[in-house]
Amino acid sequence: MAIPKIVFQSVKFDKKIYYTRYITTPKNGDVTVSYQSFEDVLIANDSYVSEKAQAIDDDIFYYVDDNAFFSMNDKDLAILVDKEVA
């Protein structure tokens, strides 16, 4: 099995830099994922904090635990996303 490709991207929101990862997963194909604390910045009280926040969120397929996002290798992150989304 080929190791999924990973591309890190940065997103500037509310004067801070956050990160996303563009991954290719076996089941879901090419997706953008990010981490839970970034989602918490974009959405408060079950509502987007701004239109820009919604636009950013619309481009993110799934949010994972912060630790998993920053510590998992490429292959394991892709497997985690497929498992959690299934």
PDB file of N, CA and C in Angstrom:
ATOM      1  N   MET A   1       0.847  -1.178   0.000  1.00  0.00           N
ATOM      2  CA  MET A   1       0.000   0.000   0.000  1.00  0.00           C
ATOM      3  C   MET A   1       0.892   1.241   0.000  1.00  0.00           C
ATOM      4  N   ALA A   2       0.572   2.168  -0.852  1.00  0.00           N
ATOM      5  CA  ALA A   2       1.344   3.409  -0.941  1.00  0.00           C
ATOM      6  C   ALA A   2       1.086   4.276   0.284  1.00  0.00           C
ATOM      7  N   ILE A   3       2.108   4.971   0.718  1.00  0.00           N
ATOM      8  CA  ILE A   3       1.954   5.894   1.841  1.00  0.00           C
ATOM      9  C   ILE A   3       1.210   7.128   1.342  1.00  0.00           C
ATOM     10  N   PRO A   4       0.107   7.498   2.012  1.00  0.00           N
ATOM     11  CA  PRO A   4      -0.642   8.683   1.571  1.00  0.00           C
ATOM     12  C   PRO A   4       0.230   9.933   1.602  1.00  0.00           C
ATOM     13  N   LYS A   5       0.030  10.796   0.611  1.00  0.00           N
ATOM     14  CA  LYS A   5       0.802  12.040   0.577  1.00  0.00           C
ATOM     15  C   LYS A   5       0.201  13.040   1.560  1.00  0.00           C
ATOM     16  N   ILE A   6       1.053  13.848   2.165  1.00  0.00           N
ATOM     17  CA  ILE A   6       0.604  14.853   3.123  1.00  0.00           C
ATOM     18  C   ILE A   6       1.173  16.202   2.713  1.00  0.00           C
ATOM     19  N   VAL A   7       0.323  17.199   2.695  1.00  0.00           N
ATOM     20  CA  VAL A   7       0.751  18.564   2.420  1.00  0.00           C
ATOM     21  C   VAL A   7       0.237  19.432   3.561  1.00  0.00           C
ATOM     22  N   PHE A   8       1.131  20.148   4.215  1.00  0.00           N
ATOM     23  CA  PHE A   8       0.737  21.064   5.278  1.00  0.00           C
ATOM     24  C   PHE A   8       0.428  22.420   4.667  1.00  0.00           C
ATOM     25  N   GLN A   9      -0.643  23.033   5.139  1.00  0.00           N
ATOM     26  CA  GLN A   9      -1.011  24.366   4.687  1.00  0.00           C
ATOM     27  C   GLN A   9      -1.286  25.218   5.919  1.00  0.00           C
ATOM     28  N   SER A  10      -1.069  26.505   5.792  1.00  0.00           N
ATOM     29  CA  SER A  10      -1.389  27.399   6.904  1.00  0.00           C
ATOM     30  C   SER A  10      -2.575  28.267   6.526  1.00  0.00           C
ATOM     31  N   VAL A  11      -3.365  28.588   7.528  1.00  0.00           N
ATOM     32  CA  VAL A  11      -4.546  29.424   7.361  1.00  0.00           C
ATOM     33  C   VAL A  11      -4.448  30.542   8.387  1.00  0.00           C
ATOM     34  N   LYS A  12      -4.542  31.777   7.926  1.00  0.00           N
ATOM     35  CA  LYS A  12      -4.531  32.907   8.855  1.00  0.00           C
ATOM     36  C   LYS A  12      -5.976  33.269   9.182  1.00  0.00           C
ATOM     37  N   PHE A  13      -6.269  33.298  10.471  1.00  0.00           N
ATOM     38  CA  PHE A  13      -7.607  33.656  10.923  1.00  0.00           C
ATOM     39  C   PHE A  13      -7.485  34.405  12.238  1.00  0.00           C
ATOM     40  N   ASP A  14      -8.133  35.524  12.321  1.00  0.00           N
ATOM     41  CA  ASP A  14      -8.145  36.334  13.542  1.00  0.00           C
ATOM     42  C   ASP A  14      -6.721  36.621  14.035  1.00  0.00           C
ATOM     43  N   LYS A  15      -5.878  36.999  13.077  1.00  0.00           N
ATOM     44  CA  LYS A  15      -4.484  37.393  13.330  1.00  0.00           C
ATOM     45  C   LYS A  15      -3.601  36.265  13.864  1.00  0.00           C
ATOM     46  N   LYS A  16      -4.027  35.026  13.689  1.00  0.00           N
ATOM     47  CA  LYS A  16      -3.230  33.875  14.107  1.00  0.00           C
ATOM     48  C   LYS A  16      -3.102  32.903  12.939  1.00  0.00           C
ATOM     49  N   ILE A  17      -2.074  32.078  13.005  1.00  0.00           N
ATOM     50  CA  ILE A  17      -1.854  31.065  11.982  1.00  0.00           C
ATOM     51  C   ILE A  17      -2.299  29.706  12.526  1.00  0.00           C
ATOM     52  N   TYR A  18      -3.109  29.009  11.739  1.00  0.00           N
ATOM     53  CA  TYR A  18      -3.560  27.656  12.056  1.00  0.00           C
ATOM     54  C   TYR A  18      -3.137  26.761  10.904  1.00  0.00           C
ATOM     55  N   TYR A  19      -3.192  25.460  11.127  1.00  0.00           N
ATOM     56  CA  TYR A  19      -2.692  24.541  10.109  1.00  0.00           C
ATOM     57  C   TYR A  19      -3.745  23.542   9.670  1.00  0.00           C
ATOM     58  N   THR A  20      -3.632  23.141   8.423  1.00  0.00           N
ATOM     59  CA  THR A  20      -4.432  22.063   7.872  1.00  0.00           C
ATOM     60  C   THR A  20      -3.473  21.090   7.201  1.00  0.00           C
ATOM     61  N   ARG A  21      -3.949  19.886   6.973  1.00  0.00           N
ATOM     62  CA  ARG A  21      -3.166  18.888   6.249  1.00  0.00           C
ATOM     63  C   ARG A  21      -4.025  18.366   5.113  1.00  0.00           C
ATOM     64  N   TYR A  22      -3.453  18.337   3.939  1.00  0.00           N
ATOM     65  CA  TYR A  22      -4.122  17.799   2.753  1.00  0.00           C
ATOM     66  C   TYR A  22      -3.632  16.371   2.603  1.00  0.00           C
ATOM     67  N   ILE A  23      -4.543  15.418   2.742  1.00  0.00           N
ATOM     68  CA  ILE A  23      -4.134  14.023   2.702  1.00  0.00           C
ATOM     69  C   ILE A  23      -4.951  13.237   1.690  1.00  0.00           C
ATOM     70  N   THR A  24      -4.377  12.160   1.250  1.00  0.00           N
ATOM     71  CA  THR A  24      -5.070  11.206   0.397  1.00  0.00           C
ATOM     72  C   THR A  24      -5.307   9.959   1.231  1.00  0.00           C
ATOM     73  N   THR A  25      -6.581   9.664   1.472  1.00  0.00           N
ATOM     74  CA  THR A  25      -6.923   8.494   2.275  1.00  0.00           C
ATOM     75  C   THR A  25      -7.439   7.389   1.365  1.00  0.00           C
ATOM     76  N   PRO A  26      -7.300   6.132   1.788  1.00  0.00           N
ATOM     77  CA  PRO A  26      -7.779   5.026   0.957  1.00  0.00           C
ATOM     78  C   PRO A  26      -9.285   5.076   0.677  1.00  0.00           C
ATOM     79  N   LYS A  27     -10.088   5.454   1.656  1.00  0.00           N
ATOM     80  CA  LYS A  27     -11.547   5.416   1.490  1.00  0.00           C
ATOM     81  C   LYS A  27     -12.158   6.744   1.060  1.00  0.00           C
ATOM     82  N   ASN A  28     -11.623   7.851   1.524  1.00  0.00           N
ATOM     83  CA  ASN A  28     -12.236   9.158   1.266  1.00  0.00           C
ATOM     84  C   ASN A  28     -11.497   9.993   0.232  1.00  0.00           C
ATOM     85  N   GLY A  29     -10.401   9.472  -0.293  1.00  0.00           N
ATOM     86  CA  GLY A  29      -9.658  10.198  -1.320  1.00  0.00           C
ATOM     87  C   GLY A  29      -8.930  11.402  -0.755  1.00  0.00           C
ATOM     88  N   ASP A  30      -8.837  12.444  -1.557  1.00  0.00           N
ATOM     89  CA  ASP A  30      -8.123  13.662  -1.176  1.00  0.00           C
ATOM     90  C   ASP A  30      -9.007  14.528  -0.285  1.00  0.00           C
ATOM     91  N   VAL A  31      -8.534  14.793   0.924  1.00  0.00           N
ATOM     92  CA  VAL A  31      -9.306  15.589   1.880  1.00  0.00           C
ATOM     93  C   VAL A  31      -8.390  16.542   2.635  1.00  0.00           C
ATOM     94  N   THR A  32      -8.980  17.588   3.176  1.00  0.00           N
ATOM     95  CA  THR A  32      -8.270  18.511   4.051  1.00  0.00           C
ATOM     96  C   THR A  32      -8.758  18.276   5.471  1.00  0.00           C
ATOM     97  N   VAL A  33      -7.811  18.092   6.383  1.00  0.00           N
ATOM     98  CA  VAL A  33      -8.157  17.899   7.788  1.00  0.00           C
ATOM     99  C   VAL A  33      -7.455  18.957   8.630  1.00  0.00           C
ATOM    100  N   SER A  34      -8.004  19.178   9.797  1.00  0.00           N
ATOM    101  CA  SER A  34      -7.379  20.104  10.733  1.00  0.00           C
ATOM    102  C   SER A  34      -7.613  19.569  12.136  1.00  0.00           C
ATOM    103  N   TYR A  35      -7.388  20.396  13.135  1.00  0.00           N
ATOM    104  CA  TYR A  35      -7.438  19.934  14.515  1.00  0.00           C
ATOM    105  C   TYR A  35      -8.567  20.614  15.282  1.00  0.00           C
ATOM    106  N   GLN A  36      -9.017  19.912  16.320  1.00  0.00           N
ATOM    107  CA  GLN A  36     -10.217  20.295  17.057  1.00  0.00           C
ATOM    108  C   GLN A  36     -10.175  21.705  17.624  1.00  0.00           C
ATOM    109  N   SER A  37      -9.053  22.127  18.164  1.00  0.00           N
ATOM    110  CA  SER A  37      -9.033  23.466  18.766  1.00  0.00           C
ATOM    111  C   SER A  37      -9.184  24.558  17.710  1.00  0.00           C
ATOM    112  N   PHE A  38      -8.820  24.277  16.466  1.00  0.00           N
ATOM    113  CA  PHE A  38      -9.059  25.243  15.390  1.00  0.00           C
ATOM    114  C   PHE A  38     -10.553  25.310  15.091  1.00  0.00           C
ATOM    115  N   GLU A  39     -11.219  24.160  15.063  1.00  0.00           N
ATOM    116  CA  GLU A  39     -12.670  24.168  14.862  1.00  0.00           C
ATOM    117  C   GLU A  39     -13.353  24.964  15.970  1.00  0.00           C
ATOM    118  N   ASP A  40     -12.856  24.836  17.187  1.00  0.00           N
ATOM    119  CA  ASP A  40     -13.430  25.575  18.317  1.00  0.00           C
ATOM    120  C   ASP A  40     -13.289  27.085  18.148  1.00  0.00           C
ATOM    121  N   VAL A  41     -12.262  27.526  17.446  1.00  0.00           N
ATOM    122  CA  VAL A  41     -12.074  28.952  17.160  1.00  0.00           C
ATOM    123  C   VAL A  41     -13.079  29.416  16.103  1.00  0.00           C
ATOM    124  N   LEU A  42     -13.352  28.551  15.135  1.00  0.00           N
ATOM    125  CA  LEU A  42     -14.247  28.908  14.029  1.00  0.00           C
ATOM    126  C   LEU A  42     -15.719  28.881  14.421  1.00  0.00           C
ATOM    127  N   ILE A  43     -16.061  27.989  15.337  1.00  0.00           N
ATOM    128  CA  ILE A  43     -17.462  27.783  15.709  1.00  0.00           C
ATOM    129  C   ILE A  43     -17.609  27.952  17.219  1.00  0.00           C
ATOM    130  N   ALA A  44     -18.494  28.845  17.620  1.00  0.00           N
ATOM    131  CA  ALA A  44     -18.781  29.059  19.040  1.00  0.00           C
ATOM    132  C   ALA A  44     -20.287  29.010  19.246  1.00  0.00           C
ATOM    133  N   ASN A  45     -20.716  28.322  20.277  1.00  0.00           N
ATOM    134  CA  ASN A  45     -22.154  28.203  20.571  1.00  0.00           C
ATOM    135  C   ASN A  45     -22.931  27.694  19.364  1.00  0.00           C
ATOM    136  N   ASP A  46     -22.386  26.671  18.701  1.00  0.00           N
ATOM    137  CA  ASP A  46     -23.017  26.027  17.545  1.00  0.00           C
ATOM    138  C   ASP A  46     -23.253  26.966  16.370  1.00  0.00           C
ATOM    139  N   SER A  47     -22.460  28.023  16.274  1.00  0.00           N
ATOM    140  CA  SER A  47     -22.604  28.988  15.187  1.00  0.00           C
ATOM    141  C   SER A  47     -21.225  29.484  14.766  1.00  0.00           C
ATOM    142  N   TYR A  48     -21.072  29.747  13.475  1.00  0.00           N
ATOM    143  CA  TYR A  48     -19.807  30.301  12.990  1.00  0.00           C
ATOM    144  C   TYR A  48     -19.595  31.689  13.570  1.00  0.00           C
ATOM    145  N   VAL A  49     -18.353  32.005  13.883  1.00  0.00           N
ATOM    146  CA  VAL A  49     -18.058  33.309  14.464  1.00  0.00           C
ATOM    147  C   VAL A  49     -18.045  34.409  13.409  1.00  0.00           C
ATOM    148  N   SER A  50     -17.941  34.028  12.133  1.00  0.00           N
ATOM    149  CA  SER A  50     -17.971  35.003  11.040  1.00  0.00           C
ATOM    150  C   SER A  50     -18.173  34.259   9.722  1.00  0.00           C
ATOM    151  N   GLU A  51     -18.424  35.023   8.675  1.00  0.00           N
ATOM    152  CA  GLU A  51     -18.541  34.420   7.348  1.00  0.00           C
ATOM    153  C   GLU A  51     -17.213  33.819   6.910  1.00  0.00           C
ATOM    154  N   LYS A  52     -16.117  34.484   7.260  1.00  0.00           N
ATOM    155  CA  LYS A  52     -14.795  33.945   6.924  1.00  0.00           C
ATOM    156  C   LYS A  52     -14.578  32.603   7.622  1.00  0.00           C
ATOM    157  N   ALA A  53     -15.010  32.490   8.865  1.00  0.00           N
ATOM    158  CA  ALA A  53     -14.883  31.228   9.599  1.00  0.00           C
ATOM    159  C   ALA A  53     -15.653  30.119   8.896  1.00  0.00           C
ATOM    160  N   GLN A  54     -16.835  30.438   8.410  1.00  0.00           N
ATOM    161  CA  GLN A  54     -17.632  29.441   7.702  1.00  0.00           C
ATOM    162  C   GLN A  54     -16.950  29.026   6.404  1.00  0.00           C
ATOM    163  N   ALA A  55     -16.393  29.983   5.683  1.00  0.00           N
ATOM    164  CA  ALA A  55     -15.702  29.670   4.428  1.00  0.00           C
ATOM    165  C   ALA A  55     -14.507  28.751   4.678  1.00  0.00           C
ATOM    166  N   ILE A  56     -13.779  29.002   5.742  1.00  0.00           N
ATOM    167  CA  ILE A  56     -12.640  28.143   6.084  1.00  0.00           C
ATOM    168  C   ILE A  56     -13.132  26.749   6.441  1.00  0.00           C
ATOM    169  N   ASP A  57     -14.152  26.680   7.285  1.00  0.00           N
ATOM    170  CA  ASP A  57     -14.691  25.389   7.713  1.00  0.00           C
ATOM    171  C   ASP A  57     -15.236  24.586   6.538  1.00  0.00           C
ATOM    172  N   ASP A  58     -15.840  25.260   5.584  1.00  0.00           N
ATOM    173  CA  ASP A  58     -16.387  24.575   4.413  1.00  0.00           C
ATOM    174  C   ASP A  58     -15.316  23.823   3.631  1.00  0.00           C
ATOM    175  N   ASP A  59     -14.068  24.262   3.725  1.00  0.00           N
ATOM    176  CA  ASP A  59     -12.972  23.611   3.006  1.00  0.00           C
ATOM    177  C   ASP A  59     -12.326  22.474   3.796  1.00  0.00           C
ATOM    178  N   ILE A  60     -12.717  22.307   5.040  1.00  0.00           N
ATOM    179  CA  ILE A  60     -12.113  21.273   5.886  1.00  0.00           C
ATOM    180  C   ILE A  60     -13.066  20.087   5.982  1.00  0.00           C
ATOM    181  N   PHE A  61     -12.563  18.929   5.595  1.00  0.00           N
ATOM    182  CA  PHE A  61     -13.367  17.707   5.583  1.00  0.00           C
ATOM    183  C   PHE A  61     -13.634  17.176   6.984  1.00  0.00           C
ATOM    184  N   TYR A  62     -12.600  17.211   7.841  1.00  0.00           N
ATOM    185  CA  TYR A  62     -12.730  16.579   9.152  1.00  0.00           C
ATOM    186  C   TYR A  62     -11.723  17.175  10.126  1.00  0.00           C
ATOM    187  N   TYR A  63     -12.092  17.209  11.401  1.00  0.00           N
ATOM    188  CA  TYR A  63     -11.203  17.677  12.464  1.00  0.00           C
ATOM    189  C   TYR A  63     -10.825  16.490  13.349  1.00  0.00           C
ATOM    190  N   VAL A  64      -9.545  16.387  13.669  1.00  0.00           N
ATOM    191  CA  VAL A  64      -9.069  15.331  14.556  1.00  0.00           C
ATOM    192  C   VAL A  64      -8.548  15.957  15.849  1.00  0.00           C
ATOM    193  N   ASP A  65      -8.298  15.124  16.823  1.00  0.00           N
ATOM    194  CA  ASP A  65      -7.693  15.551  18.075  1.00  0.00           C
ATOM    195  C   ASP A  65      -6.390  16.303  17.791  1.00  0.00           C
ATOM    196  N   ASP A  66      -6.153  17.368  18.529  1.00  0.00           N
ATOM    197  CA  ASP A  66      -4.948  18.183  18.316  1.00  0.00           C
ATOM    198  C   ASP A  66      -3.671  17.347  18.354  1.00  0.00           C
ATOM    199  N   ASN A  67      -3.554  16.487  19.352  1.00  0.00           N
ATOM    200  CA  ASN A  67      -2.356  15.669  19.483  1.00  0.00           C
ATOM    201  C   ASN A  67      -2.172  14.761  18.269  1.00  0.00           C
ATOM    202  N   ALA A  68      -3.246  14.146  17.810  1.00  0.00           N
ATOM    203  CA  ALA A  68      -3.163  13.277  16.633  1.00  0.00           C
ATOM    204  C   ALA A  68      -2.729  14.069  15.407  1.00  0.00           C
ATOM    205  N   PHE A  69      -3.282  15.256  15.235  1.00  0.00           N
ATOM    206  CA  PHE A  69      -2.957  16.077  14.069  1.00  0.00           C
ATOM    207  C   PHE A  69      -1.470  16.381  13.998  1.00  0.00           C
ATOM    208  N   PHE A  70      -0.893  16.749  15.119  1.00  0.00           N
ATOM    209  CA  PHE A  70       0.502  17.182  15.123  1.00  0.00           C
ATOM    210  C   PHE A  70       1.504  16.051  15.323  1.00  0.00           C
ATOM    211  N   SER A  71       1.069  14.904  15.843  1.00  0.00           N
ATOM    212  CA  SER A  71       2.042  13.856  16.148  1.00  0.00           C
ATOM    213  C   SER A  71       1.960  12.618  15.261  1.00  0.00           C
ATOM    214  N   MET A  72       0.825  12.377  14.631  1.00  0.00           N
ATOM    215  CA  MET A  72       0.691  11.160  13.829  1.00  0.00           C
ATOM    216  C   MET A  72       1.446  11.278  12.516  1.00  0.00           C
ATOM    217  N   ASN A  73       2.014  10.153  12.105  1.00  0.00           N
ATOM    218  CA  ASN A  73       2.641  10.139  10.791  1.00  0.00           C
ATOM    219  C   ASN A  73       1.552  10.131   9.719  1.00  0.00           C
ATOM    220  N   ASP A  74       1.962  10.318   8.507  1.00  0.00           N
ATOM    221  CA  ASP A  74       1.034  10.460   7.387  1.00  0.00           C
ATOM    222  C   ASP A  74       0.077   9.271   7.259  1.00  0.00           C
ATOM    223  N   LYS A  75       0.624   8.087   7.271  1.00  0.00           N
ATOM    224  CA  LYS A  75      -0.185   6.884   7.072  1.00  0.00           C
ATOM    225  C   LYS A  75      -1.216   6.719   8.184  1.00  0.00           C
ATOM    226  N   ASP A  76      -0.780   6.894   9.429  1.00  0.00           N
ATOM    227  CA  ASP A  76      -1.694   6.713  10.557  1.00  0.00           C
ATOM    228  C   ASP A  76      -2.805   7.764  10.586  1.00  0.00           C
ATOM    229  N   LEU A  77      -2.497   8.988  10.202  1.00  0.00           N
ATOM    230  CA  LEU A  77      -3.525  10.027  10.163  1.00  0.00           C
ATOM    231  C   LEU A  77      -4.585   9.694   9.116  1.00  0.00           C
ATOM    232  N   ALA A  78      -4.162   9.232   7.958  1.00  0.00           N
ATOM    233  CA  ALA A  78      -5.111   8.854   6.907  1.00  0.00           C
ATOM    234  C   ALA A  78      -6.005   7.708   7.370  1.00  0.00           C
ATOM    235  N   ILE A  79      -5.427   6.732   8.049  1.00  0.00           N
ATOM    236  CA  ILE A  79      -6.207   5.605   8.567  1.00  0.00           C
ATOM    237  C   ILE A  79      -7.192   6.084   9.632  1.00  0.00           C
ATOM    238  N   LEU A  80      -6.745   6.962  10.520  1.00  0.00           N
ATOM    239  CA  LEU A  80      -7.621   7.506  11.561  1.00  0.00           C
ATOM    240  C   LEU A  80      -8.816   8.233  10.954  1.00  0.00           C
ATOM    241  N   VAL A  81      -8.575   9.071   9.975  1.00  0.00           N
ATOM    242  CA  VAL A  81      -9.664   9.815   9.337  1.00  0.00           C
ATOM    243  C   VAL A  81     -10.660   8.848   8.713  1.00  0.00           C
ATOM    244  N   ASP A  82     -10.178   7.864   7.959  1.00  0.00           N
ATOM    245  CA  ASP A  82     -11.090   6.895   7.349  1.00  0.00           C
ATOM    246  C   ASP A  82     -11.895   6.145   8.406  1.00  0.00           C
ATOM    247  N   LYS A  83     -11.256   5.781   9.507  1.00  0.00           N
ATOM    248  CA  LYS A  83     -11.939   5.040  10.573  1.00  0.00           C
ATOM    249  C   LYS A  83     -13.003   5.897  11.251  1.00  0.00           C
ATOM    250  N   GLU A  84     -12.676   7.140  11.559  1.00  0.00           N
ATOM    251  CA  GLU A  84     -13.611   7.996  12.289  1.00  0.00           C
ATOM    252  C   GLU A  84     -14.766   8.488  11.422  1.00  0.00           C
ATOM    253  N   VAL A  85     -14.538   8.626  10.133  1.00  0.00           N
ATOM    254  CA  VAL A  85     -15.584   9.135   9.243  1.00  0.00           C
ATOM    255  C   VAL A  85     -16.527   8.019   8.810  1.00  0.00           C
ATOM    256  N   ALA A  86     -16.057   6.792   8.821  1.00  0.00           N
ATOM    257  CA  ALA A  86     -16.846   5.645   8.334  1.00  0.00           C
ATOM    258  C   ALA A  86     -18.154   5.475   9.045  1.00  0.00           C
TER     259      ALA A  86
END
